[in-house]
Amino acid sequence: MFFLEVIKAEYLGEYRVKLWFNNDVIKCVDLKDSLVGLVFEPLKNVDYFKRFSVKFNTIEWSNGADFAPEYLYELPEVSPL
């Protein structure tokens, strides 16, 4: 059984993030439209958004907000800006 993991992430600007997955896929995604719900409200502030870290195989913020690696993997690829 293969578990998809984010192994590295880099902030690109606005709400875009470059992600490296453990299956050798690298992609840029825009999370702006994914910031729905109370836990994601603080992330609408770009200064807060860009302070994520890779933790528990995905990206996570200090307030506990995160996205499943499978969700990130399925997002459409965007230009890095």
PDB file of N, CA and C in Angstrom:
ATOM      1  N   MET A   1       0.842  -1.171   0.000  1.00  0.00           N
ATOM      2  CA  MET A   1       0.000   0.000   0.000  1.00  0.00           C
ATOM      3  C   MET A   1       0.896   1.247   0.000  1.00  0.00           C
ATOM      4  N   PHE A   2       0.582   2.220  -0.837  1.00  0.00           N
ATOM      5  CA  PHE A   2       1.381   3.433  -0.976  1.00  0.00           C
ATOM      6  C   PHE A   2       0.661   4.604  -0.338  1.00  0.00           C
ATOM      7  N   PHE A   3       1.339   5.304   0.553  1.00  0.00           N
ATOM      8  CA  PHE A   3       0.777   6.483   1.193  1.00  0.00           C
ATOM      9  C   PHE A   3       1.419   7.721   0.596  1.00  0.00           C
ATOM     10  N   LEU A   4       0.599   8.593   0.033  1.00  0.00           N
ATOM     11  CA  LEU A   4       1.075   9.827  -0.562  1.00  0.00           C
ATOM     12  C   LEU A   4       1.496  10.794   0.540  1.00  0.00           C
ATOM     13  N   GLU A   5       2.669  11.408   0.375  1.00  0.00           N
ATOM     14  CA  GLU A   5       3.172  12.340   1.365  1.00  0.00           C
ATOM     15  C   GLU A   5       3.760  13.572   0.694  1.00  0.00           C
ATOM     16  N   VAL A   6       3.609  14.712   1.339  1.00  0.00           N
ATOM     17  CA  VAL A   6       4.330  15.920   0.946  1.00  0.00           C
ATOM     18  C   VAL A   6       5.658  15.859   1.685  1.00  0.00           C
ATOM     19  N   ILE A   7       6.763  15.937   0.933  1.00  0.00           N
ATOM     20  CA  ILE A   7       8.070  15.848   1.583  1.00  0.00           C
ATOM     21  C   ILE A   7       8.796  17.197   1.642  1.00  0.00           C
ATOM     22  N   LYS A   8       8.315  18.149   0.844  1.00  0.00           N
ATOM     23  CA  LYS A   8       8.907  19.484   0.841  1.00  0.00           C
ATOM     24  C   LYS A   8       7.870  20.454   0.298  1.00  0.00           C
ATOM     25  N   ALA A   9       7.902  21.691   0.761  1.00  0.00           N
ATOM     26  CA  ALA A   9       6.982  22.722   0.274  1.00  0.00           C
ATOM     27  C   ALA A   9       7.680  24.078   0.318  1.00  0.00           C
ATOM     28  N   GLU A  10       7.352  24.903  -0.665  1.00  0.00           N
ATOM     29  CA  GLU A  10       7.968  26.227  -0.773  1.00  0.00           C
ATOM     30  C   GLU A  10       6.895  27.254  -1.104  1.00  0.00           C
ATOM     31  N   TYR A  11       6.882  28.339  -0.352  1.00  0.00           N
ATOM     32  CA  TYR A  11       5.943  29.428  -0.611  1.00  0.00           C
ATOM     33  C   TYR A  11       6.361  30.167  -1.877  1.00  0.00           C
ATOM     34  N   LEU A  12       5.407  30.429  -2.772  1.00  0.00           N
ATOM     35  CA  LEU A  12       5.709  31.074  -4.050  1.00  0.00           C
ATOM     36  C   LEU A  12       5.190  32.502  -4.149  1.00  0.00           C
ATOM     37  N   GLY A  13       4.212  32.853  -3.354  1.00  0.00           N
ATOM     38  CA  GLY A  13       3.585  34.166  -3.443  1.00  0.00           C
ATOM     39  C   GLY A  13       2.083  34.018  -3.464  1.00  0.00           C
ATOM     40  N   GLU A  14       1.389  35.066  -3.017  1.00  0.00           N
ATOM     41  CA  GLU A  14      -0.070  35.036  -2.885  1.00  0.00           C
ATOM     42  C   GLU A  14      -0.454  33.780  -2.106  1.00  0.00           C
ATOM     43  N   TYR A  15      -1.256  32.891  -2.700  1.00  0.00           N
ATOM     44  CA  TYR A  15      -1.664  31.654  -2.025  1.00  0.00           C
ATOM     45  C   TYR A  15      -1.127  30.435  -2.765  1.00  0.00           C
ATOM     46  N   ARG A  16      -0.018  30.618  -3.449  1.00  0.00           N
ATOM     47  CA  ARG A  16       0.573  29.532  -4.239  1.00  0.00           C
ATOM     48  C   ARG A  16       1.729  28.877  -3.492  1.00  0.00           C
ATOM     49  N   VAL A  17       1.759  27.548  -3.627  1.00  0.00           N
ATOM     50  CA  VAL A  17       2.763  26.740  -2.952  1.00  0.00           C
ATOM     51  C   VAL A  17       3.302  25.709  -3.942  1.00  0.00           C
ATOM     52  N   LYS A  18       4.609  25.527  -3.920  1.00  0.00           N
ATOM     53  CA  LYS A  18       5.240  24.459  -4.713  1.00  0.00           C
ATOM     54  C   LYS A  18       5.398  23.267  -3.779  1.00  0.00           C
ATOM     55  N   LEU A  19       4.939  22.110  -4.235  1.00  0.00           N
ATOM     56  CA  LEU A  19       4.931  20.903  -3.408  1.00  0.00           C
ATOM     57  C   LEU A  19       5.740  19.787  -4.052  1.00  0.00           C
ATOM     58  N   TRP A  20       6.512  19.099  -3.238  1.00  0.00           N
ATOM     59  CA  TRP A  20       7.231  17.903  -3.663  1.00  0.00           C
ATOM     60  C   TRP A  20       6.576  16.722  -2.965  1.00  0.00           C
ATOM     61  N   PHE A  21       6.160  15.719  -3.743  1.00  0.00           N
ATOM     62  CA  PHE A  21       5.515  14.528  -3.196  1.00  0.00           C
ATOM     63  C   PHE A  21       6.488  13.346  -3.208  1.00  0.00           C
ATOM     64  N   ASN A  22       6.197  12.350  -2.406  1.00  0.00           N
ATOM     65  CA  ASN A  22       7.083  11.194  -2.302  1.00  0.00           C
ATOM     66  C   ASN A  22       6.993  10.233  -3.487  1.00  0.00           C
ATOM     67  N   ASN A  23       6.202  10.568  -4.494  1.00  0.00           N
ATOM     68  CA  ASN A  23       6.147   9.758  -5.719  1.00  0.00           C
ATOM     69  C   ASN A  23       6.873  10.469  -6.867  1.00  0.00           C
ATOM     70  N   ASP A  24       7.759  11.416  -6.520  1.00  0.00           N
ATOM     71  CA  ASP A  24       8.577  12.183  -7.474  1.00  0.00           C
ATOM     72  C   ASP A  24       7.802  13.220  -8.281  1.00  0.00           C
ATOM     73  N   VAL A  25       6.573  13.523  -7.902  1.00  0.00           N
ATOM     74  CA  VAL A  25       5.794  14.567  -8.561  1.00  0.00           C
ATOM     75  C   VAL A  25       6.068  15.890  -7.845  1.00  0.00           C
ATOM     76  N   ILE A  26       6.282  16.932  -8.632  1.00  0.00           N
ATOM     77  CA  ILE A  26       6.442  18.291  -8.117  1.00  0.00           C
ATOM     78  C   ILE A  26       5.397  19.147  -8.816  1.00  0.00           C
ATOM     79  N   LYS A  27       4.635  19.897  -8.051  1.00  0.00           N
ATOM     80  CA  LYS A  27       3.614  20.746  -8.676  1.00  0.00           C
ATOM     81  C   LYS A  27       3.386  22.010  -7.877  1.00  0.00           C
ATOM     82  N   CYS A  28       2.909  23.026  -8.566  1.00  0.00           N
ATOM     83  CA  CYS A  28       2.532  24.301  -7.951  1.00  0.00           C
ATOM     84  C   CYS A  28       1.012  24.355  -7.887  1.00  0.00           C
ATOM     85  N   VAL A  29       0.486  24.718  -6.718  1.00  0.00           N
ATOM     86  CA  VAL A  29      -0.959  24.805  -6.536  1.00  0.00           C
ATOM     87  C   VAL A  29      -1.323  26.152  -5.932  1.00  0.00           C
ATOM     88  N   ASP A  30      -2.556  26.566  -6.178  1.00  0.00           N
ATOM     89  CA  ASP A  30      -3.094  27.793  -5.596  1.00  0.00           C
ATOM     90  C   ASP A  30      -4.161  27.392  -4.591  1.00  0.00           C
ATOM     91  N   LEU A  31      -3.970  27.753  -3.339  1.00  0.00           N
ATOM     92  CA  LEU A  31      -4.891  27.349  -2.279  1.00  0.00           C
ATOM     93  C   LEU A  31      -5.939  28.401  -1.934  1.00  0.00           C
ATOM     94  N   LYS A  32      -5.966  29.495  -2.673  1.00  0.00           N
ATOM     95  CA  LYS A  32      -6.891  30.588  -2.346  1.00  0.00           C
ATOM     96  C   LYS A  32      -8.331  30.112  -2.223  1.00  0.00           C
ATOM     97  N   ASP A  33      -8.817  29.338  -3.165  1.00  0.00           N
ATOM     98  CA  ASP A  33     -10.212  28.880  -3.141  1.00  0.00           C
ATOM     99  C   ASP A  33     -10.448  27.742  -2.155  1.00  0.00           C
ATOM    100  N   SER A  34      -9.385  27.231  -1.555  1.00  0.00           N
ATOM    101  CA  SER A  34      -9.507  26.131  -0.591  1.00  0.00           C
ATOM    102  C   SER A  34      -9.616  26.616   0.848  1.00  0.00           C
ATOM    103  N   LEU A  35      -9.482  27.916   1.065  1.00  0.00           N
ATOM    104  CA  LEU A  35      -9.497  28.465   2.417  1.00  0.00           C
ATOM    105  C   LEU A  35     -10.926  28.729   2.878  1.00  0.00           C
ATOM    106  N   VAL A  36     -11.656  27.652   3.080  1.00  0.00           N
ATOM    107  CA  VAL A  36     -13.067  27.711   3.457  1.00  0.00           C
ATOM    108  C   VAL A  36     -13.228  27.065   4.829  1.00  0.00           C
ATOM    109  N   GLY A  37     -13.882  27.762   5.720  1.00  0.00           N
ATOM    110  CA  GLY A  37     -14.121  27.224   7.052  1.00  0.00           C
ATOM    111  C   GLY A  37     -13.349  27.990   8.108  1.00  0.00           C
ATOM    112  N   LEU A  38     -13.793  27.863   9.333  1.00  0.00           N
ATOM    113  CA  LEU A  38     -13.253  28.627  10.454  1.00  0.00           C
ATOM    114  C   LEU A  38     -11.755  28.431  10.653  1.00  0.00           C
ATOM    115  N   VAL A  39     -11.274  27.204  10.567  1.00  0.00           N
ATOM    116  CA  VAL A  39      -9.852  26.943  10.809  1.00  0.00           C
ATOM    117  C   VAL A  39      -8.962  27.591   9.751  1.00  0.00           C
ATOM    118  N   PHE A  40      -9.525  27.845   8.560  1.00  0.00           N
ATOM    119  CA  PHE A  40      -8.740  28.431   7.476  1.00  0.00           C
ATOM    120  C   PHE A  40      -8.828  29.965   7.426  1.00  0.00           C
ATOM    121  N   GLU A  41      -9.678  30.570   8.246  1.00  0.00           N
ATOM    122  CA  GLU A  41      -9.823  32.039   8.249  1.00  0.00           C
ATOM    123  C   GLU A  41      -8.494  32.770   8.444  1.00  0.00           C
ATOM    124  N   PRO A  42      -7.663  32.377   9.423  1.00  0.00           N
ATOM    125  CA  PRO A  42      -6.393  33.087   9.605  1.00  0.00           C
ATOM    126  C   PRO A  42      -5.476  33.013   8.377  1.00  0.00           C
ATOM    127  N   LEU A  43      -5.623  31.977   7.578  1.00  0.00           N
ATOM    128  CA  LEU A  43      -4.769  31.781   6.397  1.00  0.00           C
ATOM    129  C   LEU A  43      -5.093  32.766   5.285  1.00  0.00           C
ATOM    130  N   LYS A  44      -6.216  33.439   5.378  1.00  0.00           N
ATOM    131  CA  LYS A  44      -6.560  34.445   4.366  1.00  0.00           C
ATOM    132  C   LYS A  44      -5.649  35.658   4.468  1.00  0.00           C
ATOM    133  N   ASN A  45      -4.963  35.801   5.596  1.00  0.00           N
ATOM    134  CA  ASN A  45      -3.927  36.808   5.763  1.00  0.00           C
ATOM    135  C   ASN A  45      -2.638  36.209   5.181  1.00  0.00           C
ATOM    136  N   VAL A  46      -2.150  36.777   4.095  1.00  0.00           N
ATOM    137  CA  VAL A  46      -0.998  36.208   3.376  1.00  0.00           C
ATOM    138  C   VAL A  46       0.223  36.083   4.281  1.00  0.00           C
ATOM    139  N   ASP A  47       0.417  37.042   5.184  1.00  0.00           N
ATOM    140  CA  ASP A  47       1.563  36.950   6.099  1.00  0.00           C
ATOM    141  C   ASP A  47       1.482  35.706   6.977  1.00  0.00           C
ATOM    142  N   TYR A  48       0.286  35.315   7.358  1.00  0.00           N
ATOM    143  CA  TYR A  48       0.102  34.094   8.136  1.00  0.00           C
ATOM    144  C   TYR A  48       0.186  32.871   7.226  1.00  0.00           C
ATOM    145  N   PHE A  49      -0.443  32.948   6.063  1.00  0.00           N
ATOM    146  CA  PHE A  49      -0.470  31.829   5.126  1.00  0.00           C
ATOM    147  C   PHE A  49       0.932  31.322   4.803  1.00  0.00           C
ATOM    148  N   LYS A  50       1.857  32.232   4.570  1.00  0.00           N
ATOM    149  CA  LYS A  50       3.183  31.827   4.100  1.00  0.00           C
ATOM    150  C   LYS A  50       4.048  31.198   5.194  1.00  0.00           C
ATOM    151  N   ARG A  51       3.543  31.143   6.415  1.00  0.00           N
ATOM    152  CA  ARG A  51       4.309  30.559   7.529  1.00  0.00           C
ATOM    153  C   ARG A  51       3.881  29.120   7.829  1.00  0.00           C
ATOM    154  N   PHE A  52       3.795  28.288   6.810  1.00  0.00           N
ATOM    155  CA  PHE A  52       3.461  26.871   6.992  1.00  0.00           C
ATOM    156  C   PHE A  52       4.749  26.068   7.156  1.00  0.00           C
ATOM    157  N   SER A  53       4.583  24.843   7.561  1.00  0.00           N
ATOM    158  CA  SER A  53       5.714  23.916   7.622  1.00  0.00           C
ATOM    159  C   SER A  53       5.228  22.546   7.150  1.00  0.00           C
ATOM    160  N   VAL A  54       6.161  21.702   6.782  1.00  0.00           N
ATOM    161  CA  VAL A  54       5.817  20.323   6.432  1.00  0.00           C
ATOM    162  C   VAL A  54       5.852  19.526   7.728  1.00  0.00           C
ATOM    163  N   LYS A  55       4.694  18.972   8.068  1.00  0.00           N
ATOM    164  CA  LYS A  55       4.551  18.241   9.322  1.00  0.00           C
ATOM    165  C   LYS A  55       3.539  17.127   9.111  1.00  0.00           C
ATOM    166  N   PHE A  56       3.836  15.967   9.616  1.00  0.00           N
ATOM    167  CA  PHE A  56       2.931  14.817   9.483  1.00  0.00           C
ATOM    168  C   PHE A  56       2.558  14.570   8.022  1.00  0.00           C
ATOM    169  N   ASN A  57       3.536  14.692   7.125  1.00  0.00           N
ATOM    170  CA  ASN A  57       3.397  14.334   5.710  1.00  0.00           C
ATOM    171  C   ASN A  57       2.534  15.277   4.883  1.00  0.00           C
ATOM    172  N   THR A  58       2.309  16.498   5.378  1.00  0.00           N
ATOM    173  CA  THR A  58       1.577  17.497   4.609  1.00  0.00           C
ATOM    174  C   THR A  58       1.999  18.885   5.088  1.00  0.00           C
ATOM    175  N   ILE A  59       1.366  19.933   4.550  1.00  0.00           N
ATOM    176  CA  ILE A  59       1.666  21.273   5.043  1.00  0.00           C
ATOM    177  C   ILE A  59       0.688  21.613   6.157  1.00  0.00           C
ATOM    178  N   GLU A  60       1.211  22.301   7.176  1.00  0.00           N
ATOM    179  CA  GLU A  60       0.400  22.628   8.339  1.00  0.00           C
ATOM    180  C   GLU A  60       0.773  24.019   8.841  1.00  0.00           C
ATOM    181  N   TRP A  61      -0.191  24.690   9.434  1.00  0.00           N
ATOM    182  CA  TRP A  61       0.009  26.010  10.022  1.00  0.00           C
ATOM    183  C   TRP A  61      -0.061  25.899  11.538  1.00  0.00           C
ATOM    184  N   SER A  62       0.408  26.921  12.228  1.00  0.00           N
ATOM    185  CA  SER A  62       0.493  26.877  13.689  1.00  0.00           C
ATOM    186  C   SER A  62      -0.868  26.765  14.382  1.00  0.00           C
ATOM    187  N   ASN A  63      -1.952  27.137  13.691  1.00  0.00           N
ATOM    188  CA  ASN A  63      -3.288  27.008  14.294  1.00  0.00           C
ATOM    189  C   ASN A  63      -3.876  25.606  14.096  1.00  0.00           C
ATOM    190  N   GLY A  64      -3.113  24.700  13.477  1.00  0.00           N
ATOM    191  CA  GLY A  64      -3.571  23.327  13.269  1.00  0.00           C
ATOM    192  C   GLY A  64      -4.211  23.081  11.920  1.00  0.00           C
ATOM    193  N   ALA A  65      -4.393  24.127  11.124  1.00  0.00           N
ATOM    194  CA  ALA A  65      -4.974  23.957   9.781  1.00  0.00           C
ATOM    195  C   ALA A  65      -3.999  23.163   8.908  1.00  0.00           C
ATOM    196  N   ASP A  66      -4.544  22.268   8.123  1.00  0.00           N
ATOM    197  CA  ASP A  66      -3.736  21.520   7.170  1.00  0.00           C
ATOM    198  C   ASP A  66      -4.629  20.999   6.055  1.00  0.00           C
ATOM    199  N   PHE A  67      -4.008  20.430   5.044  1.00  0.00           N
ATOM    200  CA  PHE A  67      -4.722  19.805   3.926  1.00  0.00           C
ATOM    201  C   PHE A  67      -4.182  18.400   3.753  1.00  0.00           C
ATOM    202  N   ALA A  68      -5.061  17.465   3.475  1.00  0.00           N
ATOM    203  CA  ALA A  68      -4.614  16.096   3.203  1.00  0.00           C
ATOM    204  C   ALA A  68      -3.710  16.101   1.975  1.00  0.00           C
ATOM    205  N   PRO A  69      -2.631  15.322   1.993  1.00  0.00           N
ATOM    206  CA  PRO A  69      -1.751  15.284   0.827  1.00  0.00           C
ATOM    207  C   PRO A  69      -2.481  14.860  -0.441  1.00  0.00           C
ATOM    208  N   GLU A  70      -3.472  14.008  -0.315  1.00  0.00           N
ATOM    209  CA  GLU A  70      -4.252  13.569  -1.476  1.00  0.00           C
ATOM    210  C   GLU A  70      -5.031  14.734  -2.079  1.00  0.00           C
ATOM    211  N   TYR A  71      -5.563  15.595  -1.216  1.00  0.00           N
ATOM    212  CA  TYR A  71      -6.285  16.775  -1.689  1.00  0.00           C
ATOM    213  C   TYR A  71      -5.336  17.695  -2.455  1.00  0.00           C
ATOM    214  N   LEU A  72      -4.169  17.956  -1.880  1.00  0.00           N
ATOM    215  CA  LEU A  72      -3.185  18.818  -2.535  1.00  0.00           C
ATOM    216  C   LEU A  72      -2.753  18.239  -3.875  1.00  0.00           C
ATOM    217  N   TYR A  73      -2.601  16.935  -3.922  1.00  0.00           N
ATOM    218  CA  TYR A  73      -2.154  16.253  -5.138  1.00  0.00           C
ATOM    219  C   TYR A  73      -3.184  16.397  -6.267  1.00  0.00           C
ATOM    220  N   GLU A  74      -4.454  16.406  -5.918  1.00  0.00           N
ATOM    221  CA  GLU A  74      -5.515  16.469  -6.913  1.00  0.00           C
ATOM    222  C   GLU A  74      -5.811  17.888  -7.399  1.00  0.00           C
ATOM    223  N   LEU A  75      -5.301  18.889  -6.716  1.00  0.00           N
ATOM    224  CA  LEU A  75      -5.538  20.273  -7.176  1.00  0.00           C
ATOM    225  C   LEU A  75      -4.895  20.500  -8.536  1.00  0.00           C
ATOM    226  N   PRO A  76      -5.490  21.347  -9.339  1.00  0.00           N
ATOM    227  CA  PRO A  76      -4.893  21.628 -10.655  1.00  0.00           C
ATOM    228  C   PRO A  76      -3.568  22.380 -10.506  1.00  0.00           C
ATOM    229  N   GLU A  77      -2.654  22.078 -11.377  1.00  0.00           N
ATOM    230  CA  GLU A  77      -1.363  22.768 -11.361  1.00  0.00           C
ATOM    231  C   GLU A  77      -1.529  24.177 -11.912  1.00  0.00           C
ATOM    232  N   VAL A  78      -0.823  25.124 -11.311  1.00  0.00           N
ATOM    233  CA  VAL A  78      -0.850  26.520 -11.740  1.00  0.00           C
ATOM    234  C   VAL A  78       0.574  26.979 -11.989  1.00  0.00           C
ATOM    235  N   SER A  79       0.699  28.136 -12.629  1.00  0.00           N
ATOM    236  CA  SER A  79       2.033  28.700 -12.861  1.00  0.00           C
ATOM    237  C   SER A  79       2.578  29.210 -11.531  1.00  0.00           C
ATOM    238  N   PRO A  80       3.894  29.198 -11.358  1.00  0.00           N
ATOM    239  CA  PRO A  80       4.484  29.624 -10.083  1.00  0.00           C
ATOM    240  C   PRO A  80       4.431  31.114  -9.817  1.00  0.00           C
ATOM    241  N   LEU A  81       3.967  31.947 -10.727  1.00  0.00           N
ATOM    242  CA  LEU A  81       3.853  33.408 -10.640  1.00  0.00           C
ATOM    243  C   LEU A  81       5.004  34.094 -11.324  1.00  0.00           C
TER     244      LEU A  81
END
